[in-house]
């Protein structure tokens, strides 16, 4: 159990056991563990005292919060359903939220397909992005990162988790670790993108601070998804591409769908 997660409610033991089980079969389960920490705090703050997952506790926790999307609510419900099934297996009474009560169409979103002209304007806006003394490599990272997403079809998390060793500037390949479903793969880069990676390494000198990530943050580790999305929205604005609002795109994920 990671020391980053502290569980205080009476359900701490089964929660920790469930997380351990998920990780034992290969899941990183970081997002799930964070959500279960929230649930544990909820149970603790409501002075819940039964070694059971009662229907009342489950339904109260599962109630949709103001401004919460249905997708987020379904995620919370699904996580608690998994905990309940685990508790039942090891002998604790637990109410399993019925699957049919909340459903969501996960394929309802239509990706935004950028035109070639829009892609050109976005890259030009990236190339004009000004340096910043607090984050001195940001103006170098952003143009390369977006080109990598577009040219290689990466998920943003896959790109941000690339280490320096994962980007082979001699062979022109990317080694993707811990991809979706725990898979690994090697992707080829176009010659022009490989050359950009070489130039970036030379100019940004990313090895000098001992940070292993190819796109290092000045504050340690790598850039966060949320920060890159903020920069992406700025680029859209500078490129004259309308952003339709939360959940409506264009999303940075839509860079994976070339025209």
Protein backbone atom coordinates (compact mmCIF):
# COMPACT_ATOMS: atom_id res chain seq x y z
CA UNK A 1 0.00 0.00 0.00
CA UNK A 2 1.44 3.38 -0.99
CA UNK A 3 2.27 5.59 1.95
CA UNK A 4 0.67 8.48 0.08
CA UNK A 5 -2.77 7.12 0.92
CA UNK A 6 -3.98 7.17 4.52
CA UNK A 7 -7.30 5.53 5.32
CA UNK A 8 -9.02 6.29 8.63
CA UNK A 9 -12.57 4.96 8.40
CA UNK A 10 -13.75 1.62 9.74
CA UNK A 11 -13.61 0.37 6.11
CA UNK A 12 -9.87 1.08 5.83
CA UNK A 13 -8.87 -2.61 5.88
CA UNK A 14 -11.09 -3.79 2.99
CA UNK A 15 -10.29 -0.63 1.00
CA UNK A 16 -6.55 -1.27 1.34
CA UNK A 17 -7.10 -4.93 0.47
CA UNK A 18 -9.05 -4.02 -2.66
CA UNK A 19 -6.33 -1.62 -3.84
CA UNK A 20 -3.68 -4.27 -3.18
CA UNK A 21 -5.66 -6.82 -5.20
CA UNK A 22 -6.02 -4.48 -8.19
CA UNK A 23 -2.29 -3.75 -8.18
CA UNK A 24 -1.41 -7.40 -7.75
CA UNK A 25 -3.07 -8.20 -11.08
CA UNK A 26 -1.22 -5.44 -12.92
CA UNK A 27 -3.22 -2.22 -12.54
CA UNK A 28 -1.44 0.93 -11.35
CA UNK A 29 -4.80 2.02 -9.90
CA UNK A 30 -3.60 5.49 -8.87
CA UNK A 31 -6.80 7.27 -9.85
CA UNK A 32 -8.91 4.59 -8.17
CA UNK A 33 -6.85 4.82 -4.98
CA UNK A 34 -7.30 8.59 -4.87
CA UNK A 35 -11.05 8.23 -5.31
CA UNK A 36 -11.21 5.59 -2.58
CA UNK A 37 -9.34 7.97 -0.31
CA UNK A 38 -12.16 10.46 -0.88
CA UNK A 39 -14.73 7.79 -0.11
CA UNK A 40 -12.85 6.79 3.04
CA UNK A 41 -12.84 10.43 4.19
CA UNK A 42 -16.58 10.61 3.45
CA UNK A 43 -17.26 7.52 5.57
CA UNK A 44 -14.99 8.78 8.34
CA UNK A 45 -16.53 12.27 8.45
CA UNK A 46 -20.06 10.86 8.60
CA UNK A 47 -19.02 8.73 11.61
CA UNK A 48 -19.94 5.52 9.79
CA UNK A 49 -19.32 2.67 12.23
CA UNK A 50 -20.40 -0.58 10.51
CA UNK A 51 -17.92 -3.04 9.03
CA UNK A 52 -20.17 -3.25 6.00
CA UNK A 53 -20.92 -1.35 2.84
CA UNK A 54 -24.56 -0.50 3.43
CA UNK A 55 -27.07 0.50 0.80
CA UNK A 56 -27.56 3.87 2.49
CA UNK A 57 -23.84 4.64 2.48
CA UNK A 58 -23.48 3.56 -1.15
CA UNK A 59 -26.50 5.50 -2.43
CA UNK A 60 -25.57 8.63 -0.48
CA UNK A 61 -22.03 8.57 -1.87
CA UNK A 62 -23.31 7.81 -5.37
CA UNK A 63 -25.65 10.80 -5.55
CA UNK A 64 -24.64 13.11 -8.35
CA UNK A 65 -22.99 16.30 -7.08
CA UNK A 66 -23.79 19.78 -8.45
CA UNK A 67 -21.96 20.41 -11.74
CA UNK A 68 -20.68 16.81 -11.79
CA UNK A 69 -20.81 15.09 -15.16
CA UNK A 70 -22.63 11.80 -15.54
CA UNK A 71 -19.35 10.24 -16.62
CA UNK A 72 -17.65 11.22 -13.35
CA UNK A 73 -20.61 9.98 -11.32
CA UNK A 74 -20.53 6.66 -13.18
CA UNK A 75 -16.84 6.37 -12.45
CA UNK A 76 -17.45 6.78 -8.72
CA UNK A 77 -20.27 4.25 -8.80
CA UNK A 78 -18.23 1.72 -10.77
CA UNK A 79 -15.36 2.01 -8.32
CA UNK A 80 -17.61 1.44 -5.32
CA UNK A 81 -19.25 -1.49 -7.10
CA UNK A 82 -15.82 -3.08 -7.45
CA UNK A 83 -15.10 -2.52 -3.76
CA UNK A 84 -18.46 -4.08 -2.83
CA UNK A 85 -17.82 -7.17 -4.95
CA UNK A 86 -14.38 -7.55 -3.34
CA UNK A 87 -15.84 -7.23 0.15
CA UNK A 88 -18.48 -9.86 -0.60
CA UNK A 89 -15.76 -12.23 -1.79
CA UNK A 90 -13.80 -11.93 1.46
CA UNK A 91 -16.84 -12.25 3.71
CA UNK A 92 -17.98 -8.68 4.46
CA UNK A 93 -21.58 -7.62 3.76
CA UNK A 94 -21.68 -5.06 0.99
CA UNK A 95 -24.40 -3.57 -1.21
CA UNK A 96 -23.56 -3.82 -4.93
CA UNK A 97 -24.95 -0.88 -6.88
CA UNK A 98 -27.02 -2.32 -9.79
CA UNK A 99 -25.34 -1.84 -13.15
CA UNK A 100 -28.55 -0.96 -14.97
CA UNK A 101 -29.39 2.02 -12.73
CA UNK A 102 -26.85 4.36 -14.28
CA UNK A 103 -25.55 4.04 -17.82
CA UNK A 104 -23.57 6.30 -20.09
CA UNK A 105 -22.88 6.28 -23.79
CA UNK A 106 -19.08 6.39 -23.85
CA UNK A 107 -19.06 6.88 -27.60
CA UNK A 108 -21.35 9.91 -27.74
CA UNK A 109 -18.51 12.39 -28.20
CA UNK A 110 -17.62 13.16 -31.81
CA UNK A 111 -13.92 14.00 -32.20
CA UNK A 112 -13.08 17.39 -33.65
CA UNK A 113 -11.28 16.85 -36.97
CA UNK A 114 -8.77 19.64 -37.55
CA UNK A 115 -8.30 20.87 -41.11
CA UNK A 116 -4.80 21.03 -42.55
CA UNK A 117 -4.97 24.80 -42.37
CA UNK A 118 -5.92 24.68 -38.68
CA UNK A 119 -3.04 22.32 -37.91
CA UNK A 120 -0.68 24.65 -39.77
CA UNK A 121 -1.93 27.67 -37.80
CA UNK A 122 -1.63 25.79 -34.51
CA UNK A 123 1.98 24.81 -35.18
CA UNK A 124 2.79 28.36 -36.23
CA UNK A 125 1.25 29.64 -32.97
CA UNK A 126 3.31 27.08 -31.02
CA UNK A 127 6.49 28.17 -32.76
CA UNK A 128 5.78 31.78 -31.75
CA UNK A 129 5.15 30.89 -28.10
CA UNK A 130 7.31 33.23 -25.99
CA UNK A 131 9.98 32.09 -23.50
CA UNK A 132 9.22 32.37 -19.80
CA UNK A 133 11.83 32.84 -17.08
CA UNK A 134 9.94 30.61 -14.62
CA UNK A 135 9.57 27.77 -17.11
CA UNK A 136 12.49 28.37 -19.50
CA UNK A 137 11.88 25.36 -21.78
CA UNK A 138 8.13 25.74 -22.19
CA UNK A 139 8.43 27.47 -25.58
CA UNK A 140 10.58 24.54 -26.76
CA UNK A 141 8.42 21.77 -25.27
CA UNK A 142 5.03 22.91 -26.55
CA UNK A 143 5.80 22.89 -30.33
CA UNK A 144 7.48 19.48 -30.14
CA UNK A 145 4.87 17.92 -27.86
CA UNK A 146 1.93 18.85 -30.07
CA UNK A 147 3.75 17.66 -33.18
CA UNK A 148 4.47 14.37 -31.43
CA UNK A 149 0.80 13.93 -30.49
CA UNK A 150 -0.25 14.67 -34.05
CA UNK A 151 2.45 12.71 -35.83
CA UNK A 152 2.48 9.59 -33.63
CA UNK A 153 -1.10 9.40 -32.37
CA UNK A 154 -0.05 9.43 -28.72
CA UNK A 155 -2.27 9.99 -25.74
CA UNK A 156 -1.16 13.04 -23.78
CA UNK A 157 -0.26 10.90 -20.76
CA UNK A 158 1.91 8.65 -22.94
CA UNK A 159 3.83 11.63 -24.30
CA UNK A 160 4.32 13.29 -20.91
CA UNK A 161 5.55 10.04 -19.34
CA UNK A 162 8.29 9.57 -21.94
CA UNK A 163 11.73 9.40 -20.39
CA UNK A 164 14.84 10.65 -22.16
CA UNK A 165 15.83 7.02 -22.84
CA UNK A 166 12.40 6.29 -24.36
CA UNK A 167 13.07 8.71 -27.23
CA UNK A 168 15.66 7.10 -29.50
CA UNK A 169 16.96 9.95 -31.64
CA UNK A 170 19.25 7.57 -33.55
CA UNK A 171 16.64 5.01 -34.60
CA UNK A 172 13.79 7.55 -34.69
CA UNK A 173 11.48 5.61 -32.35
CA UNK A 174 9.43 6.14 -29.20
CA UNK A 175 9.16 3.45 -26.56
CA UNK A 176 5.74 3.70 -24.88
CA UNK A 177 5.61 2.17 -21.41
CA UNK A 178 2.53 1.40 -19.33
CA UNK A 179 0.11 2.27 -22.11
CA UNK A 180 -3.60 1.47 -21.97
CA UNK A 181 -4.25 -1.99 -20.46
CA UNK A 182 -0.61 -2.09 -19.32
CA UNK A 183 0.76 -2.71 -22.82
CA UNK A 184 4.07 -1.49 -24.23
CA UNK A 185 4.87 -0.59 -27.82
CA UNK A 186 7.49 1.00 -30.05
CA UNK A 187 6.41 3.71 -32.49
CA UNK A 188 8.37 5.09 -35.45
CA UNK A 189 8.74 8.83 -35.94
CA UNK A 190 8.97 10.70 -39.21
CA UNK A 191 12.48 11.90 -40.07
CA UNK A 192 11.42 15.52 -39.58
CA UNK A 193 10.05 14.78 -36.09
CA UNK A 194 13.18 12.82 -35.16
CA UNK A 195 15.32 15.80 -36.18
CA UNK A 196 13.16 18.08 -34.06
CA UNK A 197 13.75 15.76 -31.09
CA UNK A 198 17.52 15.98 -31.69
CA UNK A 199 17.40 19.78 -31.90
CA UNK A 200 15.24 19.99 -28.78
CA UNK A 201 17.66 17.84 -26.75
CA UNK A 202 20.60 19.98 -27.84
CA UNK A 203 18.96 23.34 -27.18
CA UNK A 204 16.97 22.49 -24.03
CA UNK A 205 19.86 20.47 -22.51
CA UNK A 206 17.30 18.37 -20.63
CA UNK A 207 19.88 16.02 -19.08
CA UNK A 208 21.62 18.67 -17.00
CA UNK A 209 19.22 18.77 -14.03
CA UNK A 210 18.92 15.01 -13.52
CA UNK A 211 15.20 14.94 -14.35
CA UNK A 212 14.58 11.69 -16.30
CA UNK A 213 11.58 12.95 -18.29
CA UNK A 214 11.82 14.03 -21.92
CA UNK A 215 9.39 16.89 -21.22
CA UNK A 216 10.56 17.93 -17.74
CA UNK A 217 8.78 20.47 -15.59
CA UNK A 218 10.85 23.19 -13.96
CA UNK A 219 9.17 22.22 -10.70
CA UNK A 220 10.22 18.56 -10.89
CA UNK A 221 8.70 15.54 -12.63
CA UNK A 222 6.92 16.18 -15.91
CA UNK A 223 4.28 18.62 -17.06
CA UNK A 224 0.75 17.78 -15.92
CA UNK A 225 -2.07 16.96 -18.34
CA UNK A 226 -4.06 19.93 -17.03
CA UNK A 227 -1.22 22.41 -17.60
CA UNK A 228 -0.67 21.22 -21.17
CA UNK A 229 -4.41 21.51 -21.80
CA UNK A 230 -4.31 25.14 -20.58
CA UNK A 231 -1.46 25.86 -22.97
CA UNK A 232 -3.33 24.04 -25.74
CA UNK A 233 -6.33 26.33 -25.27
CA UNK A 234 -4.03 29.36 -25.53
CA UNK A 235 -2.64 27.96 -28.78
CA UNK A 236 -6.17 27.43 -30.13
CA UNK A 237 -7.00 31.06 -29.34
CA UNK A 238 -3.83 32.36 -30.99
CA UNK A 239 -4.55 30.19 -34.04
CA UNK A 240 -8.08 31.57 -34.32
CA UNK A 241 -9.76 28.24 -33.56
CA UNK A 242 -12.86 28.47 -31.38
CA UNK A 243 -12.94 26.40 -28.20
CA UNK A 244 -16.50 25.25 -27.57
CA UNK A 245 -16.26 24.87 -23.81
CA UNK A 246 -15.80 22.12 -21.26
CA UNK A 247 -16.27 18.66 -22.70
CA UNK A 248 -17.13 19.94 -26.19
CA UNK A 249 -13.72 20.40 -27.70
CA UNK A 250 -11.59 20.72 -29.55
CA UNK A 251 -9.73 18.55 -27.04
CA UNK A 252 -6.03 17.89 -27.05
CA UNK A 253 -7.00 14.24 -27.53
CA UNK A 254 -8.43 15.21 -30.92
CA UNK A 255 -4.86 15.77 -32.16
CA UNK A 256 -4.80 11.98 -32.57
CA UNK A 257 -7.35 12.16 -35.39
CA UNK A 258 -5.57 13.64 -38.42
CA UNK A 259 -7.66 14.68 -41.38
